Amino acid sequence: MVSLSIRIDLAPGVRVGPGKIRLLELIAEHGSISAAGRALAMSYRRAWLLVDEMNRTLAEPVIEAQPGGKSGGGARLTPFGARLVACYRTIEREAEEMAERHLARLSSPGGDTE
């Protein structure tokens, strides 16, 4: 199956792609970096390092930690983090729509080439 994968280079060495976006979506869904990491079969440390990297290198933080306590802590997307996910998914969807015809030609035997 032929598919399109989008990676956005926001600055030198600052990249966002499908893995980081999925991590952010799962943090929003679960309210927890550790639960999001588990859902991706990723260690908490790896998930935390990715979140920390995004928080430090992007224009604004993407995740806001919620302090622990009796009910436990957690994490949630900042407004910027939510915009980043939404913009990425829009770019991805529109790029797939634009590339659909070309991708279909690559996946069929003897596909038409221009």
N, C-alpha and C. Protein backbone atom coordinates (compact mmCIF):
# COMPACT_ATOMS: atom_id res chain seq x y z
N MET A 1 0.84 -1.18 0.00
CA MET A 1 0.00 0.00 0.00
C MET A 1 0.88 1.24 0.00
N VAL A 2 0.62 2.13 -0.90
CA VAL A 2 1.36 3.39 -1.00
C VAL A 2 0.66 4.41 -0.11
N SER A 3 1.46 5.14 0.66
CA SER A 3 0.87 6.16 1.52
C SER A 3 1.79 7.37 1.55
N LEU A 4 1.25 8.45 2.02
CA LEU A 4 1.96 9.71 2.12
C LEU A 4 2.21 10.00 3.60
N SER A 5 3.41 10.39 3.92
CA SER A 5 3.75 10.75 5.30
C SER A 5 4.31 12.17 5.27
N ILE A 6 3.80 13.00 6.16
CA ILE A 6 4.20 14.41 6.20
C ILE A 6 5.08 14.67 7.42
N ARG A 7 6.19 15.34 7.18
CA ARG A 7 7.05 15.83 8.26
C ARG A 7 7.24 17.31 8.01
N ILE A 8 7.03 18.10 9.03
CA ILE A 8 7.17 19.55 8.90
C ILE A 8 8.43 19.98 9.64
N ASP A 9 9.32 20.64 8.92
CA ASP A 9 10.53 21.21 9.51
C ASP A 9 10.22 22.65 9.88
N LEU A 10 10.03 22.91 11.15
CA LEU A 10 9.65 24.25 11.61
C LEU A 10 10.83 25.19 11.74
N ALA A 11 12.00 24.61 11.94
CA ALA A 11 13.26 25.35 12.05
C ALA A 11 14.37 24.32 11.91
N PRO A 12 15.60 24.75 11.73
CA PRO A 12 16.68 23.76 11.65
C PRO A 12 16.69 22.85 12.88
N GLY A 13 16.54 21.56 12.65
CA GLY A 13 16.56 20.59 13.74
C GLY A 13 15.26 20.48 14.52
N VAL A 14 14.24 21.22 14.12
CA VAL A 14 12.95 21.20 14.82
C VAL A 14 11.91 20.61 13.86
N ARG A 15 11.57 19.33 14.10
CA ARG A 15 10.68 18.62 13.20
C ARG A 15 9.46 18.08 13.94
N VAL A 16 8.36 18.05 13.21
CA VAL A 16 7.13 17.45 13.73
C VAL A 16 6.60 16.53 12.63
N GLY A 17 6.34 15.30 13.01
CA GLY A 17 5.82 14.33 12.05
C GLY A 17 4.72 13.50 12.66
N PRO A 18 4.35 12.43 12.00
CA PRO A 18 3.21 11.62 12.46
C PRO A 18 3.37 11.05 13.87
N GLY A 19 4.58 10.68 14.24
CA GLY A 19 4.78 10.10 15.58
C GLY A 19 4.55 11.10 16.70
N LYS A 20 5.11 12.27 16.57
CA LYS A 20 4.94 13.29 17.61
C LYS A 20 3.49 13.78 17.66
N ILE A 21 2.88 13.90 16.49
CA ILE A 21 1.48 14.34 16.47
C ILE A 21 0.59 13.30 17.13
N ARG A 22 0.83 12.02 16.84
CA ARG A 22 0.03 10.96 17.47
C ARG A 22 0.24 10.96 18.98
N LEU A 23 1.47 11.18 19.43
CA LEU A 23 1.74 11.27 20.86
C LEU A 23 0.92 12.40 21.49
N LEU A 24 0.90 13.55 20.84
CA LEU A 24 0.11 14.67 21.37
C LEU A 24 -1.38 14.33 21.40
N GLU A 25 -1.87 13.69 20.36
CA GLU A 25 -3.29 13.30 20.34
C GLU A 25 -3.62 12.34 21.49
N LEU A 26 -2.73 11.40 21.75
CA LEU A 26 -2.98 10.44 22.83
C LEU A 26 -2.85 11.09 24.21
N ILE A 27 -1.98 12.06 24.35
CA ILE A 27 -1.90 12.80 25.61
C ILE A 27 -3.22 13.53 25.84
N ALA A 28 -3.74 14.16 24.79
CA ALA A 28 -5.02 14.85 24.90
C ALA A 28 -6.13 13.87 25.27
N GLU A 29 -6.10 12.69 24.68
CA GLU A 29 -7.13 11.68 24.93
C GLU A 29 -7.05 11.09 26.33
N HIS A 30 -5.83 10.78 26.78
CA HIS A 30 -5.64 10.09 28.06
C HIS A 30 -5.35 11.03 29.23
N GLY A 31 -4.93 12.26 28.93
CA GLY A 31 -4.58 13.19 29.99
C GLY A 31 -3.30 12.83 30.71
N SER A 32 -2.44 12.06 30.03
CA SER A 32 -1.24 11.55 30.69
C SER A 32 -0.17 11.22 29.66
N ILE A 33 1.06 11.63 29.95
CA ILE A 33 2.18 11.28 29.08
C ILE A 33 2.45 9.79 29.17
N SER A 34 2.40 9.24 30.38
CA SER A 34 2.70 7.80 30.53
C SER A 34 1.65 6.94 29.84
N ALA A 35 0.38 7.29 29.94
CA ALA A 35 -0.67 6.51 29.28
C ALA A 35 -0.54 6.63 27.76
N ALA A 36 -0.19 7.80 27.27
CA ALA A 36 0.01 7.98 25.83
C ALA A 36 1.19 7.13 25.36
N GLY A 37 2.26 7.14 26.13
CA GLY A 37 3.42 6.31 25.80
C GLY A 37 3.06 4.83 25.76
N ARG A 38 2.31 4.38 26.76
CA ARG A 38 1.89 2.96 26.77
C ARG A 38 1.05 2.63 25.54
N ALA A 39 0.18 3.53 25.15
CA ALA A 39 -0.68 3.29 23.97
C ALA A 39 0.15 3.16 22.70
N LEU A 40 1.33 3.77 22.70
CA LEU A 40 2.22 3.70 21.54
C LEU A 40 3.32 2.66 21.72
N ALA A 41 3.24 1.87 22.80
CA ALA A 41 4.30 0.90 23.14
C ALA A 41 5.65 1.62 23.27
N MET A 42 5.61 2.77 23.92
CA MET A 42 6.79 3.61 24.09
C MET A 42 7.02 3.79 25.59
N SER A 43 8.26 3.83 25.99
CA SER A 43 8.55 4.04 27.41
C SER A 43 8.13 5.45 27.82
N TYR A 44 7.85 5.60 29.11
CA TYR A 44 7.51 6.92 29.63
C TYR A 44 8.66 7.88 29.35
N ARG A 45 9.88 7.43 29.57
CA ARG A 45 11.04 8.29 29.38
C ARG A 45 11.11 8.81 27.94
N ARG A 46 10.91 7.93 26.96
CA ARG A 46 10.96 8.33 25.55
C ARG A 46 9.85 9.35 25.26
N ALA A 47 8.63 9.06 25.74
CA ALA A 47 7.51 9.98 25.52
C ALA A 47 7.80 11.33 26.18
N TRP A 48 8.31 11.30 27.40
CA TRP A 48 8.61 12.54 28.11
C TRP A 48 9.69 13.33 27.38
N LEU A 49 10.73 12.64 26.88
CA LEU A 49 11.80 13.33 26.16
C LEU A 49 11.27 14.01 24.89
N LEU A 50 10.36 13.34 24.18
CA LEU A 50 9.77 13.94 22.98
C LEU A 50 8.94 15.18 23.32
N VAL A 51 8.15 15.07 24.38
CA VAL A 51 7.34 16.22 24.82
C VAL A 51 8.25 17.36 25.27
N ASP A 52 9.27 17.04 26.03
CA ASP A 52 10.20 18.06 26.51
C ASP A 52 10.89 18.76 25.33
N GLU A 53 11.31 17.98 24.33
CA GLU A 53 11.94 18.55 23.14
C GLU A 53 10.98 19.52 22.43
N MET A 54 9.73 19.10 22.25
CA MET A 54 8.77 19.98 21.60
C MET A 54 8.53 21.24 22.42
N ASN A 55 8.38 21.08 23.72
CA ASN A 55 8.14 22.24 24.59
C ASN A 55 9.30 23.23 24.54
N ARG A 56 10.51 22.72 24.42
CA ARG A 56 11.69 23.60 24.41
C ARG A 56 11.97 24.23 23.06
N THR A 57 11.64 23.54 21.96
CA THR A 57 12.09 24.00 20.65
C THR A 57 11.01 24.66 19.79
N LEU A 58 9.76 24.43 20.09
CA LEU A 58 8.70 25.05 19.28
C LEU A 58 8.44 26.47 19.77
N ALA A 59 7.66 27.21 19.02
CA ALA A 59 7.38 28.61 19.33
C ALA A 59 6.78 28.78 20.72
N GLU A 60 5.97 27.81 21.14
CA GLU A 60 5.33 27.83 22.45
C GLU A 60 5.26 26.38 22.96
N PRO A 61 5.09 26.18 24.26
CA PRO A 61 4.93 24.81 24.76
C PRO A 61 3.67 24.16 24.19
N VAL A 62 3.74 22.84 24.01
CA VAL A 62 2.61 22.09 23.47
C VAL A 62 1.86 21.32 24.55
N ILE A 63 2.54 21.05 25.66
CA ILE A 63 1.97 20.29 26.77
C ILE A 63 2.15 21.06 28.06
N GLU A 64 1.13 21.00 28.88
CA GLU A 64 1.16 21.63 30.19
C GLU A 64 0.96 20.53 31.22
N ALA A 65 1.91 20.41 32.14
CA ALA A 65 1.80 19.39 33.19
C ALA A 65 0.82 19.85 34.25
N GLN A 66 0.07 18.89 34.76
CA GLN A 66 -0.84 19.17 35.86
C GLN A 66 -0.25 18.50 37.09
N PRO A 67 -0.01 19.26 38.16
CA PRO A 67 0.64 18.71 39.35
C PRO A 67 -0.12 17.52 39.92
N GLY A 68 0.64 16.63 40.55
CA GLY A 68 0.05 15.45 41.19
C GLY A 68 -0.67 15.81 42.47
N GLY A 69 -0.98 14.82 43.20
CA GLY A 69 -1.72 15.01 44.44
C GLY A 69 -2.56 13.77 44.69
N LYS A 70 -3.60 13.91 45.47
CA LYS A 70 -4.46 12.76 45.77
C LYS A 70 -5.03 12.12 44.50
N SER A 71 -5.48 12.95 43.58
CA SER A 71 -6.07 12.42 42.36
C SER A 71 -5.03 12.16 41.28
N GLY A 72 -3.75 12.41 41.57
CA GLY A 72 -2.70 12.19 40.60
C GLY A 72 -2.52 13.38 39.69
N GLY A 73 -1.44 13.37 38.96
CA GLY A 73 -1.15 14.47 38.04
C GLY A 73 -1.64 14.13 36.66
N GLY A 74 -1.06 14.78 35.71
CA GLY A 74 -1.44 14.52 34.34
C GLY A 74 -0.83 15.54 33.42
N ALA A 75 -1.31 15.55 32.21
CA ALA A 75 -0.81 16.49 31.21
C ALA A 75 -1.95 16.81 30.26
N ARG A 76 -1.88 18.00 29.69
CA ARG A 76 -2.89 18.36 28.69
C ARG A 76 -2.23 19.24 27.64
N LEU A 77 -2.85 19.27 26.47
CA LEU A 77 -2.35 20.11 25.40
C LEU A 77 -2.61 21.57 25.74
N THR A 78 -1.66 22.41 25.42
CA THR A 78 -1.87 23.85 25.51
C THR A 78 -2.70 24.26 24.28
N PRO A 79 -3.21 25.46 24.26
CA PRO A 79 -3.90 25.92 23.05
C PRO A 79 -3.00 25.83 21.81
N PHE A 80 -1.71 26.14 21.97
CA PHE A 80 -0.78 26.02 20.85
C PHE A 80 -0.63 24.55 20.43
N GLY A 81 -0.55 23.64 21.40
CA GLY A 81 -0.45 22.22 21.08
C GLY A 81 -1.66 21.73 20.30
N ALA A 82 -2.84 22.18 20.70
CA ALA A 82 -4.06 21.80 19.98
C ALA A 82 -4.05 22.36 18.57
N ARG A 83 -3.57 23.61 18.40
CA ARG A 83 -3.48 24.20 17.06
C ARG A 83 -2.48 23.45 16.19
N LEU A 84 -1.36 23.05 16.79
CA LEU A 84 -0.34 22.31 16.06
C LEU A 84 -0.92 21.00 15.52
N VAL A 85 -1.62 20.26 16.36
CA VAL A 85 -2.23 19.00 15.94
C VAL A 85 -3.25 19.26 14.84
N ALA A 86 -4.12 20.24 15.04
CA ALA A 86 -5.17 20.53 14.05
C ALA A 86 -4.56 20.96 12.71
N CYS A 87 -3.56 21.83 12.75
CA CYS A 87 -2.91 22.28 11.51
C CYS A 87 -2.21 21.12 10.81
N TYR A 88 -1.51 20.30 11.57
CA TYR A 88 -0.82 19.15 10.98
C TYR A 88 -1.82 18.23 10.29
N ARG A 89 -2.91 17.89 10.97
CA ARG A 89 -3.91 16.98 10.39
C ARG A 89 -4.58 17.60 9.15
N THR A 90 -4.78 18.90 9.14
CA THR A 90 -5.35 19.57 7.97
C THR A 90 -4.37 19.50 6.80
N ILE A 91 -3.10 19.81 7.05
CA ILE A 91 -2.08 19.73 6.01
C ILE A 91 -2.00 18.30 5.47
N GLU A 92 -2.00 17.34 6.37
CA GLU A 92 -1.92 15.93 5.98
C GLU A 92 -3.11 15.53 5.10
N ARG A 93 -4.30 15.89 5.53
CA ARG A 93 -5.52 15.54 4.78
C ARG A 93 -5.52 16.20 3.40
N GLU A 94 -5.18 17.48 3.34
CA GLU A 94 -5.17 18.17 2.06
C GLU A 94 -4.08 17.64 1.13
N ALA A 95 -2.92 17.30 1.68
CA ALA A 95 -1.84 16.74 0.86
C ALA A 95 -2.24 15.37 0.31
N GLU A 96 -2.90 14.56 1.14
CA GLU A 96 -3.36 13.24 0.67
C GLU A 96 -4.38 13.39 -0.45
N GLU A 97 -5.28 14.35 -0.32
CA GLU A 97 -6.28 14.58 -1.37
C GLU A 97 -5.60 15.00 -2.67
N MET A 98 -4.60 15.86 -2.57
CA MET A 98 -3.89 16.32 -3.76
C MET A 98 -3.07 15.20 -4.40
N ALA A 99 -2.52 14.33 -3.59
CA ALA A 99 -1.62 13.28 -4.08
C ALA A 99 -2.34 11.98 -4.42
N GLU A 100 -3.61 11.85 -4.08
CA GLU A 100 -4.34 10.59 -4.22
C GLU A 100 -4.21 9.98 -5.61
N ARG A 101 -4.42 10.75 -6.64
CA ARG A 101 -4.34 10.24 -8.01
C ARG A 101 -2.94 9.71 -8.32
N HIS A 102 -1.93 10.44 -7.90
CA HIS A 102 -0.55 10.03 -8.17
C HIS A 102 -0.17 8.79 -7.36
N LEU A 103 -0.62 8.73 -6.12
CA LEU A 103 -0.33 7.57 -5.28
C LEU A 103 -0.99 6.32 -5.84
N ALA A 104 -2.20 6.44 -6.35
CA ALA A 104 -2.91 5.31 -6.94
C ALA A 104 -2.12 4.75 -8.13
N ARG A 105 -1.53 5.63 -8.91
CA ARG A 105 -0.73 5.18 -10.06
C ARG A 105 0.51 4.43 -9.61
N LEU A 106 1.05 4.77 -8.46
CA LEU A 106 2.24 4.09 -7.96
C LEU A 106 1.92 2.70 -7.40
N SER A 107 0.69 2.53 -6.95
CA SER A 107 0.34 1.26 -6.32
C SER A 107 -0.23 0.23 -7.29
N SER A 108 -0.56 0.65 -8.51
CA SER A 108 -1.11 -0.32 -9.46
C SER A 108 -0.01 -0.80 -10.40
N PRO A 109 0.00 -2.11 -10.71
CA PRO A 109 1.02 -2.66 -11.61
C PRO A 109 0.94 -1.97 -12.97
N GLY A 110 2.06 -1.60 -13.51
CA GLY A 110 2.10 -0.94 -14.79
C GLY A 110 1.38 0.39 -14.79
N GLY A 111 1.32 1.02 -13.60
CA GLY A 111 0.61 2.29 -13.44
C GLY A 111 1.03 3.32 -14.46
N ASP A 112 0.11 4.12 -14.86
CA ASP A 112 0.33 5.18 -15.84
C ASP A 112 1.33 6.19 -15.27
N THR A 113 2.33 6.51 -16.01
CA THR A 113 3.27 7.57 -15.59
C THR A 113 3.23 8.69 -16.60
N GLU A 114 3.28 9.89 -16.12
CA GLU A 114 3.22 11.05 -17.01
C GLU A 114 4.60 11.42 -17.48
